[in-house]
PDB file of N, CA and C in Angstrom:
ATOM      1  N   MET A   1     -38.594  97.549 -37.496  1.00  0.00           N
ATOM      2  CA  MET A   1     -38.342  96.838 -36.849  1.00  0.00           C
ATOM      3  C   MET A   1     -38.370  95.899 -35.043  1.00  0.00           C
ATOM      4  N   GLN A   2     -37.649  95.071 -34.456  1.00  0.00           N
ATOM      5  CA  GLN A   2     -37.646  93.963 -33.415  1.00  0.00           C
ATOM      6  C   GLN A   2     -36.262  94.714 -32.852  1.00  0.00           C
ATOM      7  N   ILE A   3     -36.410  94.945 -31.459  1.00  0.00           N
ATOM      8  CA  ILE A   3     -35.154  94.817 -31.063  1.00  0.00           C
ATOM      9  C   ILE A   3     -34.869  93.919 -29.806  1.00  0.00           C
ATOM     10  N   LYS A   4     -34.450  93.430 -29.377  1.00  0.00           N
ATOM     11  CA  LYS A   4     -34.407  92.433 -27.751  1.00  0.00           C
ATOM     12  C   LYS A   4     -33.563  92.662 -27.289  1.00  0.00           C
ATOM     13  N   ILE A   5     -33.750  92.618 -26.240  1.00  0.00           N
ATOM     14  CA  ILE A   5     -32.123  93.402 -25.075  1.00  0.00           C
ATOM     15  C   ILE A   5     -32.118  91.759 -24.942  1.00  0.00           C
ATOM     16  N   HIS A   6     -31.362  90.666 -24.596  1.00  0.00           N
ATOM     17  CA  HIS A   6     -30.445  89.697 -23.799  1.00  0.00           C
ATOM     18  C   HIS A   6     -30.094  90.253 -22.369  1.00  0.00           C
ATOM     19  N   GLU A   7     -30.603  89.410 -21.706  1.00  0.00           N
ATOM     20  CA  GLU A   7     -29.307  90.000 -20.313  1.00  0.00           C
ATOM     21  C   GLU A   7     -29.329  88.706 -19.674  1.00  0.00           C
ATOM     22  N   SER A   8     -28.065  88.666 -19.928  1.00  0.00           N
ATOM     23  CA  SER A   8     -26.910  88.056 -19.622  1.00  0.00           C
ATOM     24  C   SER A   8     -25.529  87.840 -18.892  1.00  0.00           C
ATOM     25  N   TYR A   9     -24.431  86.877 -19.148  1.00  0.00           N
ATOM     26  CA  TYR A   9     -23.413  87.200 -18.806  1.00  0.00           C
ATOM     27  C   TYR A   9     -22.494  88.214 -19.339  1.00  0.00           C
ATOM     28  N   ARG A  10     -23.002  88.517 -20.409  1.00  0.00           N
ATOM     29  CA  ARG A  10     -23.111  89.992 -21.369  1.00  0.00           C
ATOM     30  C   ARG A  10     -23.309  90.017 -22.214  1.00  0.00           C
ATOM     31  N   THR A  11     -24.520  91.371 -22.568  1.00  0.00           N
ATOM     32  CA  THR A  11     -25.291  91.651 -23.063  1.00  0.00           C
ATOM     33  C   THR A  11     -25.469  91.917 -24.699  1.00  0.00           C
ATOM     34  N   ILE A  12     -26.642  91.095 -25.140  1.00  0.00           N
ATOM     35  CA  ILE A  12     -26.505  90.609 -26.115  1.00  0.00           C
ATOM     36  C   ILE A  12     -27.455  91.579 -27.104  1.00  0.00           C
ATOM     37  N   VAL A  13     -27.596  91.898 -27.803  1.00  0.00           N
ATOM     38  CA  VAL A  13     -29.209  93.067 -28.453  1.00  0.00           C
ATOM     39  C   VAL A  13     -29.285  92.528 -29.822  1.00  0.00           C
ATOM     40  N   ALA A  14     -30.118  91.170 -30.232  1.00  0.00           N
ATOM     41  CA  ALA A  14     -30.827  90.641 -31.602  1.00  0.00           C
ATOM     42  C   ALA A  14     -31.880  91.943 -32.620  1.00  0.00           C
ATOM     43  N   LEU A  15     -31.404  91.952 -33.063  1.00  0.00           N
ATOM     44  CA  LEU A  15     -32.572  92.968 -33.767  1.00  0.00           C
ATOM     45  C   LEU A  15     -32.649  93.276 -35.913  1.00  0.00           C
ATOM     46  N   SER A  16     -34.029  92.506 -36.115  1.00  0.00           N
ATOM     47  CA  SER A  16     -34.689  92.268 -36.616  1.00  0.00           C
ATOM     48  C   SER A  16     -35.561  93.537 -37.832  1.00  0.00           C
ATOM     49  N   ASP A  17     -35.918  92.728 -39.027  1.00  0.00           N
ATOM     50  CA  ASP A  17     -36.895  93.725 -39.337  1.00  0.00           C
ATOM     51  C   ASP A  17     -37.990  92.849 -39.441  1.00  0.00           C
ATOM     52  N   THR A  18     -38.530  93.078 -39.188  1.00  0.00           N
ATOM     53  CA  THR A  18     -40.211  92.952 -38.708  1.00  0.00           C
ATOM     54  C   THR A  18     -40.317  91.806 -39.847  1.00  0.00           C
ATOM     55  N   ASP A  19     -40.897  91.890 -41.252  1.00  0.00           N
ATOM     56  CA  ASP A  19     -41.328  91.132 -41.488  1.00  0.00           C
ATOM     57  C   ASP A  19     -40.727  89.915 -41.883  1.00  0.00           C
ATOM     58  N   LEU A  20     -39.630  89.752 -41.116  1.00  0.00           N
ATOM     59  CA  LEU A  20     -38.310  88.338 -41.123  1.00  0.00           C
ATOM     60  C   LEU A  20     -38.382  87.461 -40.012  1.00  0.00           C
ATOM     61  N   LEU A  21     -39.072  87.640 -39.179  1.00  0.00           N
ATOM     62  CA  LEU A  21     -39.243  86.663 -38.352  1.00  0.00           C
ATOM     63  C   LEU A  21     -40.483  85.357 -38.752  1.00  0.00           C
ATOM     64  N   GLY A  22     -39.408  84.368 -37.947  1.00  0.00           N
ATOM     65  CA  GLY A  22     -40.520  82.901 -37.918  1.00  0.00           C
ATOM     66  C   GLY A  22     -39.532  82.736 -38.983  1.00  0.00           C
ATOM     67  N   LYS A  23     -38.812  83.104 -40.315  1.00  0.00           N
ATOM     68  CA  LYS A  23     -38.610  82.329 -41.660  1.00  0.00           C
ATOM     69  C   LYS A  23     -36.943  82.252 -41.990  1.00  0.00           C
ATOM     70  N   ALA A  24     -36.713  81.528 -42.299  1.00  0.00           N
ATOM     71  CA  ALA A  24     -35.463  81.257 -42.291  1.00  0.00           C
ATOM     72  C   ALA A  24     -34.728  80.878 -43.633  1.00  0.00           C
ATOM     73  N   PHE A  25     -33.832  80.848 -43.853  1.00  0.00           N
ATOM     74  CA  PHE A  25     -32.386  81.946 -44.863  1.00  0.00           C
ATOM     75  C   PHE A  25     -31.465  79.981 -45.294  1.00  0.00           C
ATOM     76  N   GLU A  26     -31.584  80.107 -45.770  1.00  0.00           N
ATOM     77  CA  GLU A  26     -29.645  78.559 -46.141  1.00  0.00           C
ATOM     78  C   GLU A  26     -30.114  78.677 -47.412  1.00  0.00           C
ATOM     79  N   GLU A  27     -28.799  78.947 -47.992  1.00  0.00           N
ATOM     80  CA  GLU A  27     -27.703  79.304 -48.816  1.00  0.00           C
ATOM     81  C   GLU A  27     -26.341  78.250 -49.004  1.00  0.00           C
ATOM     82  N   GLY A  28     -25.952  77.713 -50.100  1.00  0.00           N
ATOM     83  CA  GLY A  28     -24.908  76.105 -49.492  1.00  0.00           C
ATOM     84  C   GLY A  28     -25.097  76.037 -48.318  1.00  0.00           C
ATOM     85  N   ILE A  29     -23.647  75.798 -47.225  1.00  0.00           N
ATOM     86  CA  ILE A  29     -23.485  75.476 -46.069  1.00  0.00           C
ATOM     87  C   ILE A  29     -24.384  76.471 -44.789  1.00  0.00           C
ATOM     88  N   LYS A  30     -24.527  77.723 -45.607  1.00  0.00           N
ATOM     89  CA  LYS A  30     -24.573  78.771 -44.850  1.00  0.00           C
ATOM     90  C   LYS A  30     -26.834  78.928 -44.987  1.00  0.00           C
ATOM     91  N   ARG A  31     -26.846  79.006 -43.108  1.00  0.00           N
ATOM     92  CA  ARG A  31     -28.316  78.711 -42.880  1.00  0.00           C
ATOM     93  C   ARG A  31     -28.141  79.870 -41.016  1.00  0.00           C
ATOM     94  N   ILE A  32     -29.915  79.902 -41.653  1.00  0.00           N
ATOM     95  CA  ILE A  32     -30.080  81.575 -40.223  1.00  0.00           C
ATOM     96  C   ILE A  32     -31.368  81.690 -40.455  1.00  0.00           C
ATOM     97  N   GLU A  33     -31.814  81.125 -39.241  1.00  0.00           N
ATOM     98  CA  GLU A  33     -33.281  81.691 -38.710  1.00  0.00           C
ATOM     99  C   GLU A  33     -33.521  82.149 -37.600  1.00  0.00           C
ATOM    100  N   ILE A  34     -34.700  83.188 -38.089  1.00  0.00           N
ATOM    101  CA  ILE A  34     -34.819  84.539 -37.391  1.00  0.00           C
ATOM    102  C   ILE A  34     -36.409  83.944 -36.687  1.00  0.00           C
ATOM    103  N   LYS A  35     -35.325  83.638 -35.694  1.00  0.00           N
ATOM    104  CA  LYS A  35     -36.368  83.151 -34.539  1.00  0.00           C
ATOM    105  C   LYS A  35     -37.292  84.142 -33.578  1.00  0.00           C
ATOM    106  N   PRO A  36     -39.033  83.704 -33.405  1.00  0.00           N
ATOM    107  CA  PRO A  36     -39.114  84.860 -32.581  1.00  0.00           C
ATOM    108  C   PRO A  36     -38.782  84.709 -30.626  1.00  0.00           C
ATOM    109  N   ALA A  37     -38.682  83.443 -30.962  1.00  0.00           N
ATOM    110  CA  ALA A  37     -38.118  83.681 -29.447  1.00  0.00           C
ATOM    111  C   ALA A  37     -36.568  84.755 -28.783  1.00  0.00           C
ATOM    112  N   PHE A  38     -35.844  84.277 -30.076  1.00  0.00           N
ATOM    113  CA  PHE A  38     -34.647  85.213 -29.806  1.00  0.00           C
ATOM    114  C   PHE A  38     -35.177  87.423 -30.476  1.00  0.00           C
ATOM    115  N   PHE A  39     -35.722  87.194 -31.649  1.00  0.00           N
ATOM    116  CA  PHE A  39     -35.030  88.057 -32.644  1.00  0.00           C
ATOM    117  C   PHE A  39     -37.105  89.250 -31.640  1.00  0.00           C
ATOM    118  N   LYS A  40     -37.872  88.841 -31.648  1.00  0.00           N
ATOM    119  CA  LYS A  40     -39.027  89.372 -30.978  1.00  0.00           C
ATOM    120  C   LYS A  40     -38.705  90.432 -29.733  1.00  0.00           C
ATOM    121  N   GLY A  41     -39.517  91.384 -30.305  1.00  0.00           N
ATOM    122  CA  GLY A  41     -38.761  92.509 -29.146  1.00  0.00           C
ATOM    123  C   GLY A  41     -39.739  92.899 -28.948  1.00  0.00           C
ATOM    124  N   GLU A  42     -39.043  94.248 -28.874  1.00  0.00           N
ATOM    125  CA  GLU A  42     -40.178  95.893 -29.759  1.00  0.00           C
ATOM    126  C   GLU A  42     -40.010  96.460 -30.294  1.00  0.00           C
ATOM    127  N   GLU A  43     -41.118  97.214 -30.929  1.00  0.00           N
ATOM    128  CA  GLU A  43     -40.601  97.131 -32.014  1.00  0.00           C
ATOM    129  C   GLU A  43     -40.310  98.983 -32.005  1.00  0.00           C
ATOM    130  N   LYS A  44     -39.622  99.354 -33.108  1.00  0.00           N
ATOM    131  CA  LYS A  44     -39.023 100.875 -33.193  1.00  0.00           C
ATOM    132  C   LYS A  44     -38.687 101.208 -34.225  1.00  0.00           C
ATOM    133  N   ASN A  45     -39.146 102.236 -34.162  1.00  0.00           N
ATOM    134  CA  ASN A  45     -38.852 103.039 -35.778  1.00  0.00           C
ATOM    135  C   ASN A  45     -37.258 103.392 -35.685  1.00  0.00           C
ATOM    136  N   LYS A  46     -36.564 103.648 -37.369  1.00  0.00           N
ATOM    137  CA  LYS A  46     -35.036 104.088 -37.130  1.00  0.00           C
ATOM    138  C   LYS A  46     -34.730 104.833 -36.163  1.00  0.00           C
ATOM    139  N   GLU A  47     -34.686 105.930 -36.033  1.00  0.00           N
ATOM    140  CA  GLU A  47     -34.011 106.475 -34.914  1.00  0.00           C
ATOM    141  C   GLU A  47     -34.674 106.454 -33.685  1.00  0.00           C
ATOM    142  N   GLU A  48     -35.345 105.729 -32.878  1.00  0.00           N
ATOM    143  CA  GLU A  48     -35.348 105.083 -31.678  1.00  0.00           C
ATOM    144  C   GLU A  48     -34.158 103.911 -32.347  1.00  0.00           C
ATOM    145  N   ILE A  49     -33.992 102.756 -33.319  1.00  0.00           N
ATOM    146  CA  ILE A  49     -33.368 102.165 -33.344  1.00  0.00           C
ATOM    147  C   ILE A  49     -31.260 102.637 -32.634  1.00  0.00           C
ATOM    148  N   ILE A  50     -31.673 103.340 -33.816  1.00  0.00           N
ATOM    149  CA  ILE A  50     -29.471 103.785 -33.766  1.00  0.00           C
ATOM    150  C   ILE A  50     -29.360 104.480 -32.383  1.00  0.00           C
ATOM    151  N   GLU A  51     -30.331 105.276 -31.071  1.00  0.00           N
ATOM    152  CA  GLU A  51     -30.515 105.963 -30.199  1.00  0.00           C
ATOM    153  C   GLU A  51     -29.761 104.737 -28.986  1.00  0.00           C
ATOM    154  N   ILE A  52     -30.656 103.312 -29.284  1.00  0.00           N
ATOM    155  CA  ILE A  52     -30.107 102.085 -28.641  1.00  0.00           C
ATOM    156  C   ILE A  52     -28.810 101.045 -29.021  1.00  0.00           C
ATOM    157  N   LEU A  53     -28.566 101.353 -30.205  1.00  0.00           N
ATOM    158  CA  LEU A  53     -27.791 100.629 -30.636  1.00  0.00           C
ATOM    159  C   LEU A  53     -26.403 101.479 -30.176  1.00  0.00           C
ATOM    160  N   LYS A  54     -26.822 102.531 -30.078  1.00  0.00           N
ATOM    161  CA  LYS A  54     -25.829 103.167 -30.081  1.00  0.00           C
ATOM    162  C   LYS A  54     -25.548 103.137 -28.290  1.00  0.00           C
ATOM    163  N   ASP A  55     -26.355 103.342 -27.346  1.00  0.00           N
ATOM    164  CA  ASP A  55     -26.356 103.373 -25.830  1.00  0.00           C
ATOM    165  C   ASP A  55     -26.176 101.513 -25.965  1.00  0.00           C
ATOM    166  N   MET A  56     -26.309 101.289 -26.593  1.00  0.00           N
ATOM    167  CA  MET A  56     -25.466  99.608 -25.670  1.00  0.00           C
ATOM    168  C   MET A  56     -23.970  99.233 -26.353  1.00  0.00           C
ATOM    169  N   GLN A  57     -23.889 100.156 -27.005  1.00  0.00           N
ATOM    170  CA  GLN A  57     -22.171  99.665 -27.685  1.00  0.00           C
ATOM    171  C   GLN A  57     -21.564 100.501 -26.426  1.00  0.00           C
ATOM    172  N   LYS A  58     -21.728 101.437 -26.136  1.00  0.00           N
ATOM    173  CA  LYS A  58     -21.572 102.027 -25.212  1.00  0.00           C
ATOM    174  C   LYS A  58     -21.191 100.644 -23.982  1.00  0.00           C
ATOM    175  N   GLU A  59     -22.014  99.618 -23.270  1.00  0.00           N
ATOM    176  CA  GLU A  59     -22.625  98.814 -22.212  1.00  0.00           C
ATOM    177  C   GLU A  59     -21.270  97.720 -22.985  1.00  0.00           C
ATOM    178  N   ASP A  60     -20.785  97.556 -24.034  1.00  0.00           N
ATOM    179  CA  ASP A  60     -19.948  96.550 -24.136  1.00  0.00           C
ATOM    180  C   ASP A  60     -20.865  95.486 -24.734  1.00  0.00           C
ATOM    181  N   ALA A  61     -22.508  95.433 -25.274  1.00  0.00           N
ATOM    182  CA  ALA A  61     -22.738  94.843 -25.872  1.00  0.00           C
ATOM    183  C   ALA A  61     -22.031  93.573 -26.692  1.00  0.00           C
ATOM    184  N   THR A  62     -22.864  92.480 -27.125  1.00  0.00           N
ATOM    185  CA  THR A  62     -23.016  92.472 -28.557  1.00  0.00           C
ATOM    186  C   THR A  62     -24.346  92.164 -29.537  1.00  0.00           C
ATOM    187  N   PHE A  63     -24.275  92.153 -31.183  1.00  0.00           N
ATOM    188  CA  PHE A  63     -25.443  91.894 -32.012  1.00  0.00           C
ATOM    189  C   PHE A  63     -25.315  91.272 -32.469  1.00  0.00           C
ATOM    190  N   ASN A  64     -26.389  91.092 -33.066  1.00  0.00           N
ATOM    191  CA  ASN A  64     -26.873  90.201 -33.680  1.00  0.00           C
ATOM    192  C   ASN A  64     -27.652  90.471 -34.672  1.00  0.00           C
ATOM    193  N   ILE A  65     -27.854  90.973 -36.436  1.00  0.00           N
ATOM    194  CA  ILE A  65     -28.745  92.095 -37.303  1.00  0.00           C
ATOM    195  C   ILE A  65     -29.149  91.624 -37.973  1.00  0.00           C
ATOM    196  N   VAL A  66     -30.253  91.720 -38.859  1.00  0.00           N
ATOM    197  CA  VAL A  66     -30.733  90.498 -39.358  1.00  0.00           C
ATOM    198  C   VAL A  66     -31.084  92.001 -40.234  1.00  0.00           C
ATOM    199  N   GLY A  67     -31.319  92.160 -41.838  1.00  0.00           N
ATOM    200  CA  GLY A  67     -31.909  92.583 -42.626  1.00  0.00           C
ATOM    201  C   GLY A  67     -31.976  93.518 -43.334  1.00  0.00           C
ATOM    202  N   GLU A  68     -32.494  94.191 -43.702  1.00  0.00           N
ATOM    203  CA  GLU A  68     -31.916  95.635 -45.426  1.00  0.00           C
ATOM    204  C   GLU A  68     -32.070  96.510 -43.873  1.00  0.00           C
ATOM    205  N   GLU A  69     -33.324  96.872 -43.438  1.00  0.00           N
ATOM    206  CA  GLU A  69     -33.025  97.694 -42.253  1.00  0.00           C
ATOM    207  C   GLU A  69     -32.688  98.452 -41.812  1.00  0.00           C
ATOM    208  N   SER A  70     -32.724  97.178 -41.239  1.00  0.00           N
ATOM    209  CA  SER A  70     -31.493  96.753 -38.961  1.00  0.00           C
ATOM    210  C   SER A  70     -30.430  97.046 -39.912  1.00  0.00           C
ATOM    211  N   ILE A  71     -29.688  96.212 -40.909  1.00  0.00           N
ATOM    212  CA  ILE A  71     -28.699  97.176 -41.290  1.00  0.00           C
ATOM    213  C   ILE A  71     -28.440  98.245 -41.440  1.00  0.00           C
ATOM    214  N   LYS A  72     -29.052  98.741 -41.635  1.00  0.00           N
ATOM    215  CA  LYS A  72     -29.029 100.638 -42.246  1.00  0.00           C
ATOM    216  C   LYS A  72     -28.962 101.116 -40.274  1.00  0.00           C
ATOM    217  N   SER A  73     -29.753 100.786 -40.666  1.00  0.00           N
ATOM    218  CA  SER A  73     -30.014 101.607 -39.008  1.00  0.00           C
ATOM    219  C   SER A  73     -27.987 101.131 -37.836  1.00  0.00           C
ATOM    220  N   ALA A  74     -27.661 100.163 -38.493  1.00  0.00           N
ATOM    221  CA  ALA A  74     -26.793  99.826 -37.760  1.00  0.00           C
ATOM    222  C   ALA A  74     -26.060 100.148 -37.853  1.00  0.00           C
ATOM    223  N   LEU A  75     -25.687 100.584 -39.347  1.00  0.00           N
ATOM    224  CA  LEU A  75     -24.391 101.366 -40.559  1.00  0.00           C
ATOM    225  C   LEU A  75     -24.677 102.648 -39.931  1.00  0.00           C
ATOM    226  N   GLU A  76     -25.497 102.655 -40.215  1.00  0.00           N
ATOM    227  CA  GLU A  76     -26.023 104.604 -39.803  1.00  0.00           C
ATOM    228  C   GLU A  76     -25.173 104.205 -37.373  1.00  0.00           C
ATOM    229  N   ALA A  77     -25.276 103.693 -37.579  1.00  0.00           N
ATOM    230  CA  ALA A  77     -25.473 104.800 -35.468  1.00  0.00           C
ATOM    231  C   ALA A  77     -24.129 103.811 -36.147  1.00  0.00           C
ATOM    232  N   GLY A  78     -23.225 103.285 -36.070  1.00  0.00           N
ATOM    233  CA  GLY A  78     -21.503 102.783 -35.871  1.00  0.00           C
ATOM    234  C   GLY A  78     -21.358 101.661 -35.341  1.00  0.00           C
ATOM    235  N   ILE A  79     -22.052 100.381 -35.163  1.00  0.00           N
ATOM    236  CA  ILE A  79     -21.825 100.040 -34.946  1.00  0.00           C
ATOM    237  C   ILE A  79     -21.331  98.582 -35.793  1.00  0.00           C
ATOM    238  N   ILE A  80     -21.650  98.863 -37.034  1.00  0.00           N
ATOM    239  CA  ILE A  80     -21.103  98.127 -38.366  1.00  0.00           C
ATOM    240  C   ILE A  80     -20.222  98.718 -39.683  1.00  0.00           C
ATOM    241  N   LYS A  81     -19.311  97.972 -40.067  1.00  0.00           N
ATOM    242  CA  LYS A  81     -19.249  98.652 -41.345  1.00  0.00           C
ATOM    243  C   LYS A  81     -19.009  97.517 -42.188  1.00  0.00           C
ATOM    244  N   LYS A  82     -19.284  97.827 -43.723  1.00  0.00           N
ATOM    245  CA  LYS A  82     -19.695  97.253 -44.851  1.00  0.00           C
ATOM    246  C   LYS A  82     -18.885  96.063 -44.971  1.00  0.00           C
ATOM    247  N   GLU A  83     -17.674  95.722 -45.003  1.00  0.00           N
ATOM    248  CA  GLU A  83     -17.026  95.493 -44.927  1.00  0.00           C
ATOM    249  C   GLU A  83     -17.522  93.096 -43.906  1.00  0.00           C
ATOM    250  N   GLY A  84     -18.007  94.746 -42.880  1.00  0.00           N
ATOM    251  CA  GLY A  84     -18.858  93.151 -42.051  1.00  0.00           C
ATOM    252  C   GLY A  84     -20.100  92.357 -42.001  1.00  0.00           C
ATOM    253  N   ILE A  85     -20.752  92.449 -43.393  1.00  0.00           N
ATOM    254  CA  ILE A  85     -21.604  92.412 -43.572  1.00  0.00           C
ATOM    255  C   ILE A  85     -21.712  91.388 -44.368  1.00  0.00           C
ATOM    256  N   MET A  86     -22.639  90.076 -44.286  1.00  0.00           N
ATOM    257  CA  MET A  86     -22.249  88.866 -44.883  1.00  0.00           C
ATOM    258  C   MET A  86     -23.811  88.774 -45.432  1.00  0.00           C
ATOM    259  N   LYS A  87     -23.999  87.832 -46.503  1.00  0.00           N
ATOM    260  CA  LYS A  87     -25.520  88.401 -47.221  1.00  0.00           C
ATOM    261  C   LYS A  87     -25.571  86.419 -47.464  1.00  0.00           C
ATOM    262  N   ILE A  88     -26.703  85.661 -46.905  1.00  0.00           N
ATOM    263  CA  ILE A  88     -27.823  84.606 -47.130  1.00  0.00           C
ATOM    264  C   ILE A  88     -29.219  84.666 -47.744  1.00  0.00           C
ATOM    265  N   ASP A  89     -28.632  84.066 -48.563  1.00  0.00           N
ATOM    266  CA  ASP A  89     -30.118  83.875 -49.660  1.00  0.00           C
ATOM    267  C   ASP A  89     -30.832  85.229 -50.035  1.00  0.00           C
ATOM    268  N   ASN A  90     -29.911  86.388 -50.443  1.00  0.00           N
ATOM    269  CA  ASN A  90     -29.533  87.971 -49.986  1.00  0.00           C
ATOM    270  C   ASN A  90     -30.192  88.680 -49.176  1.00  0.00           C
ATOM    271  N   VAL A  91     -30.603  88.128 -47.592  1.00  0.00           N
ATOM    272  CA  VAL A  91     -30.614  88.640 -46.570  1.00  0.00           C
ATOM    273  C   VAL A  91     -29.486  88.989 -45.773  1.00  0.00           C
ATOM    274  N   PRO A  92     -28.715  90.716 -45.438  1.00  0.00           N
ATOM    275  CA  PRO A  92     -28.111  90.466 -45.232  1.00  0.00           C
ATOM    276  C   PRO A  92     -28.028  90.476 -43.132  1.00  0.00           C
ATOM    277  N   ILE A  93     -26.708  90.383 -43.198  1.00  0.00           N
ATOM    278  CA  ILE A  93     -26.269  89.665 -41.460  1.00  0.00           C
ATOM    279  C   ILE A  93     -25.097  90.469 -41.282  1.00  0.00           C
ATOM    280  N   ALA A  94     -25.462  90.282 -40.226  1.00  0.00           N
ATOM    281  CA  ALA A  94     -24.155  90.963 -39.744  1.00  0.00           C
ATOM    282  C   ALA A  94     -23.913  90.603 -37.871  1.00  0.00           C
ATOM    283  N   LEU A  95     -23.259  90.319 -37.676  1.00  0.00           N
ATOM    284  CA  LEU A  95     -21.904  89.677 -35.520  1.00  0.00           C
ATOM    285  C   LEU A  95     -21.428  90.523 -35.622  1.00  0.00           C
ATOM    286  N   VAL A  96     -21.407  91.185 -34.360  1.00  0.00           N
ATOM    287  CA  VAL A  96     -20.871  92.211 -33.379  1.00  0.00           C
ATOM    288  C   VAL A  96     -20.946  91.448 -31.657  1.00  0.00           C
ATOM    289  N   LEU A  97     -19.537  91.201 -32.165  1.00  0.00           N
ATOM    290  CA  LEU A  97     -18.840  90.289 -30.975  1.00  0.00           C
ATOM    291  C   LEU A  97     -17.588  91.243 -30.430  1.00  0.00           C
ATOM    292  N   LEU A  98     -18.296  92.011 -29.616  1.00  0.00           N
ATOM    293  CA  LEU A  98     -16.900  93.131 -29.177  1.00  0.00           C
ATOM    294  C   LEU A  98     -15.633  92.502 -28.233  1.00  0.00           C
TER     295      LEU A  98
END
């Protein structure tokens, strides 16, 4: 998985399955592009990702999460709930704005 932390007026955490980088998905009017400029950061394993997500939640960050593995990690970290997951072309996506 790739994780990138953007520092802005509010911290934004971009998390994506590595194999999705550079791809775009469409379904009806919904579209998402997994742009490397936004999502490509550090390659981390599941345990590292879960720890980072929990730390960033304490910092009142927002989250952009894309892909099966990334979504599973976010669920395990308690960042998202199953009800908050949508799919575009069978790719799971979650946005968390706290």
